[in-house]
Amino acid sequence: MADLPFTLDQLRILRAIVREGSFKKAADSLYVTQPAVSLQIQNLEKQLEVAIFDRGGRKAQLTEAGQLLLSYCERILTNCQEACRALDDLNNLKGGSLVVGASQTTGTYLMPRMIGLFRQKYPDVAVQLQVHSTRRTGWSVANGQIDLAIIGGELPPDLRELLKVVPYASDELALVLPIKHPLSKLLELTKEDLYRLGFVCLDAQSTTRKMLDKLLASSGLDVQRLRIEMELNSLEAIKNAVQSGLGAAFLPVVSIERELTAGTVHKAVVTDLQVSRELKLISHPARYSSRAAEAFEEDILPLFASSDSPICKDKNK
C-alpha cells in the first residue's frame, strides 16, 4: 500500500484553520508558529496536487477540494480519538475521558450536579461539558465530538433519524412572582390573573422564548394578552429582575431551586395550568460508547430521570 499523502498533524492543522478562521489563530491554538502552519499546508497541497485554500481573500476560504478533504478530516480525527479512548478503557476507568453535552438550561443548572456526582465516584476520569443550542449539541453528538447529551429543544428531522433519542425527564416551567407582589399571597391564581401581571422574559426571537410561548399557548393561554414589561438575554438576569420586584416570569424549576429554598421568589400555583417540556437523552448508536459514558448513563442519569423514563425502567430490571 502506498504511503498516505497526508499526516494526522496536517489534518489537525487543516481543521484548526477552518475552526479559527485564519492561519495565525490556528497557529496560536496549536502552540506552533504561523510559518510552520503555512509550511504544513503548502506541503499538503503539494502532496495532494490540489489547492486546499483560496488565498485571494483576507479570510482563509476552502476550495471545493478543501471542503471535500475537511469532511474526511473530521471523520478520520474522530476515529483516532475513539481509538485512543477505547484503549484508555482498558484501564477500567482509571483514566480516560468523558464529553457530555447539554442545551442551555440543562447545562447551566442540572448537568454540573450530575458531573459532580460522577467525579466523586470516578475521580480519575476527565470530564468535559459542552453547553450549546439543541441543534449544535445534536450535531456534535452526531460527529462524535460529544458522547451523550441532554437537550430540551427539538432536533431537526435528519438528526432524529441518525441519533438515538430517549425521553429522559419532565422539565416543569413555573410561574414565579416577587415575594412582595400582592398575588403572591393567594393560594391559587386563575389564568385571568396572568393577564394582569407584568412579565419579564427572554427576547422574542430566542429559541427558548419561542418554545415557552408554544407551550403556554397549548396550555390554553392567550400569549398575545400577556403584558411583557421587559426582555432580557439570560435566565439569571430574569431571576434577578423577579427578585427585584420588576415583574413575573415563567422559569424552569431546576433553575430556581436555590431561590425557592432561600425564599427570595414565590412559585405560584395556577388553576388548570401545568407547563412542562420533555428533556431527552441523545447518543449515537453506531459510534463507540466508552466505559466512562456507559458508567455515566447507568450510575448518574437514573438519579435525575423521571420515574417513567426508559432509563429508570432499564435500571430497575
Protein backbone atom coordinates (compact mmCIF):
# COMPACT_ATOMS: atom_id res chain seq x y z
CA MET A 1 0.00 0.00 0.00
CA ALA A 2 1.35 3.43 -0.99
CA ASP A 3 2.15 5.97 1.69
CA LEU A 4 -0.74 8.31 2.52
CA PRO A 5 -0.31 11.81 1.03
CA PHE A 6 -1.09 13.46 4.37
CA THR A 7 -0.31 13.12 8.07
CA LEU A 8 -2.58 13.41 11.10
CA ASP A 9 -0.75 16.60 12.09
CA GLN A 10 -1.61 18.14 8.72
CA LEU A 11 -5.28 17.20 9.20
CA ARG A 12 -5.26 18.71 12.70
CA ILE A 13 -3.81 21.91 11.27
CA LEU A 14 -6.41 22.00 8.49
CA ARG A 15 -9.23 21.60 11.00
CA ALA A 16 -7.78 24.27 13.28
CA ILE A 17 -7.52 26.80 10.41
CA VAL A 18 -11.16 26.24 9.48
CA ARG A 19 -12.34 26.46 13.10
CA GLU A 20 -10.27 29.53 13.98
CA GLY A 21 -10.75 31.32 10.67
CA SER A 22 -7.11 32.18 9.99
CA PHE A 23 -3.62 30.67 9.82
CA LYS A 24 -2.41 32.88 12.69
CA LYS A 25 -5.23 31.96 15.09
CA ALA A 26 -4.81 28.29 14.19
CA ALA A 27 -1.09 28.51 14.96
CA ASP A 28 -1.85 30.13 18.34
CA SER A 29 -4.40 27.44 19.22
CA LEU A 30 -1.90 24.69 18.37
CA TYR A 31 1.04 26.44 20.10
CA VAL A 32 3.16 26.49 16.93
CA THR A 33 4.41 29.31 14.70
CA GLN A 34 2.43 30.67 11.78
CA PRO A 35 5.22 29.83 9.29
CA ALA A 36 5.10 26.21 10.50
CA VAL A 37 1.34 26.09 9.83
CA SER A 38 1.76 27.63 6.37
CA LEU A 39 4.55 25.20 5.50
CA GLN A 40 2.46 22.17 6.51
CA ILE A 41 -0.45 23.34 4.34
CA GLN A 42 1.89 24.02 1.42
CA ASN A 43 3.35 20.52 1.76
CA LEU A 44 -0.15 19.04 1.98
CA GLU A 45 -1.24 20.82 -1.21
CA LYS A 46 1.96 19.69 -2.96
CA GLN A 47 1.43 16.07 -1.85
CA LEU A 48 -2.23 16.08 -2.93
CA GLU A 49 -1.55 18.16 -6.05
CA VAL A 50 -4.60 20.36 -5.38
CA ALA A 51 -5.20 23.79 -3.85
CA ILE A 52 -6.91 23.49 -0.47
CA PHE A 53 -7.28 27.19 0.35
CA ASP A 54 -8.28 30.11 -1.86
CA ARG A 55 -5.73 32.73 -0.94
CA GLY A 56 -7.42 35.58 -2.80
CA GLY A 57 -9.35 36.93 0.19
CA ARG A 58 -8.42 38.12 3.67
CA LYS A 59 -10.03 35.14 5.40
CA ALA A 60 -8.93 31.53 4.88
CA GLN A 61 -11.50 30.08 2.48
CA LEU A 62 -11.56 26.42 1.45
CA THR A 63 -11.65 25.43 -2.18
CA GLU A 64 -14.02 22.67 -3.32
CA ALA A 65 -11.20 20.16 -2.85
CA GLY A 66 -10.54 21.61 0.61
CA GLN A 67 -14.19 21.17 1.59
CA LEU A 68 -14.09 17.55 0.48
CA LEU A 69 -10.89 16.86 2.40
CA LEU A 70 -12.30 18.57 5.52
CA SER A 71 -15.32 16.24 5.57
CA TYR A 72 -12.98 13.23 5.66
CA CYS A 73 -10.62 15.02 8.04
CA GLU A 74 -13.34 15.30 10.71
CA ARG A 75 -14.16 11.59 10.43
CA ILE A 76 -10.53 10.50 10.48
CA LEU A 77 -9.64 12.55 13.56
CA THR A 78 -12.83 11.49 15.35
CA ASN A 79 -12.00 7.83 14.71
CA CYS A 80 -8.47 8.40 16.03
CA GLN A 81 -9.91 9.93 19.21
CA GLU A 82 -12.31 6.99 19.59
CA ALA A 83 -9.42 4.55 19.22
CA CYS A 84 -7.44 6.32 21.95
CA ARG A 85 -10.42 6.33 24.26
CA ALA A 86 -11.11 2.64 23.64
CA LEU A 87 -7.52 1.89 24.65
CA ASP A 88 -7.93 4.09 27.75
CA ASP A 89 -10.94 1.95 28.71
CA LEU A 90 -8.64 -0.99 29.26
CA ASN A 91 -7.59 0.75 32.48
CA ASN A 92 -11.06 0.17 33.95
CA LEU A 93 -11.93 3.87 34.34
CA LYS A 94 -8.54 4.63 35.90
CA GLY A 95 -8.17 7.47 33.44
CA GLY A 96 -9.89 8.18 30.16
CA SER A 97 -12.29 10.99 29.37
CA LEU A 98 -15.97 11.76 29.02
CA VAL A 99 -17.54 14.56 26.98
CA VAL A 100 -21.16 15.36 27.80
CA GLY A 101 -23.34 17.99 26.21
CA ALA A 102 -26.48 19.90 27.08
CA SER A 103 -28.68 22.70 25.88
CA GLN A 104 -28.52 25.96 27.84
CA THR A 105 -30.83 25.44 30.84
CA THR A 106 -29.86 21.83 31.49
CA GLY A 107 -26.18 22.59 31.02
CA THR A 108 -26.28 25.51 33.43
CA TYR A 109 -28.37 24.08 36.27
CA LEU A 110 -28.60 20.28 36.06
CA MET A 111 -25.52 18.88 34.35
CA PRO A 112 -22.94 20.32 36.82
CA ARG A 113 -24.64 18.40 39.65
CA MET A 114 -24.51 15.21 37.61
CA ILE A 115 -20.84 15.72 36.80
CA GLY A 116 -20.09 16.38 40.48
CA LEU A 117 -21.58 13.02 41.48
CA PHE A 118 -19.77 11.26 38.64
CA ARG A 119 -16.43 12.78 39.65
CA GLN A 120 -16.93 11.60 43.24
CA LYS A 121 -17.33 8.03 42.01
CA TYR A 122 -14.78 8.14 39.16
CA PRO A 123 -12.22 10.81 40.09
CA ASP A 124 -9.67 9.64 37.51
CA VAL A 125 -11.93 10.30 34.52
CA ALA A 126 -11.54 13.72 32.90
CA VAL A 127 -14.98 15.20 32.22
CA GLN A 128 -15.76 17.98 29.76
CA LEU A 129 -19.14 19.72 29.49
CA GLN A 130 -20.19 21.48 26.29
CA VAL A 131 -23.24 23.76 26.50
CA HIS A 132 -24.72 24.86 23.17
CA SER A 133 -28.04 25.15 21.39
CA THR A 134 -30.04 21.95 20.87
CA ARG A 135 -29.17 21.89 17.17
CA ARG A 136 -25.43 22.39 17.68
CA THR A 137 -25.37 19.85 20.51
CA GLY A 138 -27.14 17.31 18.30
CA TRP A 139 -24.61 17.72 15.50
CA SER A 140 -21.73 17.40 17.97
CA VAL A 141 -23.14 14.05 19.13
CA ALA A 142 -23.60 13.01 15.51
CA ASN A 143 -20.00 13.94 14.69
CA GLY A 144 -18.61 12.05 17.68
CA GLN A 145 -17.41 15.20 19.49
CA ILE A 146 -19.82 14.57 22.39
CA ASP A 147 -20.54 11.14 23.92
CA LEU A 148 -24.09 11.85 25.08
CA ALA A 149 -26.21 14.89 25.81
CA ILE A 150 -29.44 16.06 27.40
CA ILE A 151 -31.49 18.51 25.36
CA GLY A 152 -34.77 20.34 25.78
CA GLY A 153 -35.48 21.55 22.26
CA GLU A 154 -36.49 19.78 19.06
CA LEU A 155 -33.88 18.16 16.83
CA PRO A 156 -34.03 18.61 13.05
CA PRO A 157 -35.56 15.60 11.23
CA ASP A 158 -32.22 14.47 9.76
CA LEU A 159 -30.68 14.31 13.24
CA ARG A 160 -33.68 12.49 14.73
CA GLU A 161 -33.17 9.72 12.15
CA LEU A 162 -29.43 9.49 12.88
CA LEU A 163 -29.36 9.64 16.69
CA LYS A 164 -30.83 7.55 19.49
CA VAL A 165 -33.34 9.79 21.28
CA VAL A 166 -34.75 8.64 24.64
CA PRO A 167 -37.29 10.56 26.81
CA TYR A 168 -35.44 11.50 29.97
CA ALA A 169 -37.31 13.81 32.35
CA SER A 170 -40.06 16.40 32.57
CA ASP A 171 -38.80 19.99 32.91
CA GLU A 172 -41.51 21.99 34.70
CA LEU A 173 -41.83 25.67 33.86
CA ALA A 174 -43.18 27.51 36.90
CA LEU A 175 -44.75 30.94 37.30
CA VAL A 176 -42.62 32.91 39.77
CA LEU A 177 -43.57 36.21 41.38
CA PRO A 178 -41.72 38.74 43.53
CA ILE A 179 -42.16 37.88 47.21
CA LYS A 180 -43.98 41.16 47.93
CA HIS A 181 -46.31 41.00 44.93
CA PRO A 182 -49.98 41.15 46.03
CA LEU A 183 -50.85 37.95 44.12
CA SER A 184 -48.12 36.01 45.94
CA LYS A 185 -50.43 35.94 48.96
CA LEU A 186 -53.05 33.88 47.13
CA LEU A 187 -53.05 30.10 47.36
CA GLU A 188 -54.03 29.75 43.72
CA LEU A 189 -54.28 32.03 40.70
CA THR A 190 -56.56 31.85 37.69
CA LYS A 191 -55.50 32.21 34.09
CA GLU A 192 -57.25 35.59 34.02
CA ASP A 193 -54.93 36.76 36.82
CA LEU A 194 -51.97 36.23 34.49
CA TYR A 195 -53.24 38.84 32.06
CA ARG A 196 -52.96 41.46 34.82
CA LEU A 197 -49.32 40.68 35.52
CA GLY A 198 -46.28 42.35 34.00
CA PHE A 199 -43.80 39.76 32.70
CA VAL A 200 -40.03 39.65 32.37
CA CYS A 201 -38.93 37.22 29.68
CA LEU A 202 -36.30 36.30 27.13
CA ASP A 203 -36.01 38.05 23.78
CA ALA A 204 -38.90 37.18 21.46
CA GLN A 205 -36.52 35.78 18.83
CA SER A 206 -34.75 33.35 21.18
CA THR A 207 -35.42 29.63 20.69
CA THR A 208 -36.28 29.17 24.38
CA ARG A 209 -38.82 32.03 24.29
CA LYS A 210 -40.49 30.60 21.19
CA MET A 211 -40.66 27.19 22.87
CA LEU A 212 -42.21 28.72 26.01
CA ASP A 213 -44.81 30.68 24.04
CA LYS A 214 -45.76 27.50 22.20
CA LEU A 215 -46.15 25.56 25.47
CA LEU A 216 -48.22 28.33 27.07
CA ALA A 217 -50.48 28.53 24.02
CA SER A 218 -51.02 24.76 24.04
CA SER A 219 -51.99 25.06 27.74
CA GLY A 220 -54.87 27.40 26.86
CA LEU A 221 -53.25 30.79 27.47
CA ASP A 222 -53.66 33.67 25.02
CA VAL A 223 -49.98 34.57 24.76
CA GLN A 224 -50.79 37.79 22.93
CA ARG A 225 -52.65 39.08 26.00
CA LEU A 226 -49.66 38.63 28.35
CA ARG A 227 -48.11 42.01 29.13
CA ILE A 228 -44.36 41.95 28.52
CA GLU A 229 -42.66 44.63 30.61
CA MET A 230 -39.04 43.72 29.91
CA GLU A 231 -36.99 41.41 27.69
CA LEU A 232 -33.60 40.16 28.92
CA ASN A 233 -30.98 37.84 27.43
CA SER A 234 -30.48 35.25 30.19
CA LEU A 235 -32.39 33.29 32.83
CA GLU A 236 -30.10 34.64 35.55
CA ALA A 237 -30.99 38.20 34.56
CA ILE A 238 -34.69 37.32 34.62
CA LYS A 239 -34.37 35.73 38.08
CA ASN A 240 -32.66 38.87 39.39
CA ALA A 241 -35.38 41.03 37.86
CA VAL A 242 -38.12 39.00 39.57
CA GLN A 243 -36.29 39.15 42.91
CA SER A 244 -36.01 42.92 42.47
CA GLY A 245 -39.78 43.21 42.00
CA LEU A 246 -39.66 44.11 38.30
CA GLY A 247 -42.18 41.51 37.15
CA ALA A 248 -43.30 37.89 36.98
CA ALA A 249 -41.73 35.16 34.83
CA PHE A 250 -42.07 31.58 33.70
CA LEU A 251 -38.84 29.79 34.61
CA PRO A 252 -37.67 26.15 34.68
CA VAL A 253 -38.00 24.82 38.22
CA VAL A 254 -34.46 23.42 38.02
CA SER A 255 -33.18 26.99 37.62
CA ILE A 256 -34.88 28.41 40.72
CA GLU A 257 -34.36 25.68 43.33
CA ARG A 258 -31.86 27.81 45.28
CA GLU A 259 -34.16 30.87 45.22
CA LEU A 260 -37.18 28.83 46.34
CA THR A 261 -35.18 27.37 49.24
CA ALA A 262 -33.97 30.84 50.23
CA GLY A 263 -37.48 32.30 49.88
CA THR A 264 -36.41 35.08 47.51
CA VAL A 265 -39.10 34.28 44.88
CA HIS A 266 -42.63 32.88 45.10
CA LYS A 267 -43.71 29.92 42.99
CA ALA A 268 -47.38 30.44 42.17
CA VAL A 269 -49.99 27.77 41.51
CA VAL A 270 -52.31 28.48 38.57
CA THR A 271 -55.63 26.66 38.23
CA ASP A 272 -55.68 24.22 35.29
CA LEU A 273 -52.25 25.29 34.10
CA GLN A 274 -49.29 22.91 34.01
CA VAL A 275 -46.46 23.85 31.71
CA SER A 276 -43.57 21.48 31.13
CA ARG A 277 -41.31 20.28 28.37
CA GLU A 278 -39.67 16.92 27.84
CA LEU A 279 -35.92 16.58 28.24
CA LYS A 280 -34.33 13.96 26.01
CA LEU A 281 -31.13 11.95 26.20
CA ILE A 282 -29.35 11.69 22.86
CA SER A 283 -26.46 9.49 21.76
CA HIS A 284 -25.12 7.97 18.54
CA PRO A 285 -26.00 4.25 18.34
CA ALA A 286 -23.34 3.50 15.71
CA ARG A 287 -20.38 5.10 17.48
CA TYR A 288 -18.13 3.59 20.12
CA SER A 289 -19.53 4.09 23.62
CA SER A 290 -16.73 4.39 26.18
CA ARG A 291 -16.92 2.77 29.58
CA ALA A 292 -16.98 6.26 31.09
CA ALA A 293 -20.07 7.13 29.01
CA GLU A 294 -21.74 3.86 29.99
CA ALA A 295 -20.96 4.48 33.69
CA PHE A 296 -22.43 8.00 33.46
CA GLU A 297 -25.58 6.66 31.82
CA GLU A 298 -26.02 3.73 34.22
CA ASP A 299 -24.95 5.30 37.54
CA ILE A 300 -25.79 9.01 37.30
CA LEU A 301 -28.59 9.65 34.82
CA PRO A 302 -31.22 7.46 36.59
CA LEU A 303 -30.82 9.59 39.75
CA PHE A 304 -32.31 12.60 37.97
CA ALA A 305 -34.68 10.94 35.47
CA SER A 306 -38.47 10.90 35.58
CA SER A 307 -39.91 7.73 37.12
CA ASP A 308 -41.45 6.76 33.76
CA SER A 309 -38.24 7.32 31.81
CA PRO A 310 -36.88 4.25 29.96
CA ILE A 311 -33.59 4.94 31.77
CA CYS A 312 -35.20 4.26 35.15
CA LYS A 313 -37.03 1.22 33.83
CA ASP A 314 -33.81 -0.23 32.42
CA LYS A 315 -32.05 0.42 35.72
CA ASN A 316 -34.74 -1.44 37.66
CA LYS A 317 -34.67 -4.57 35.52
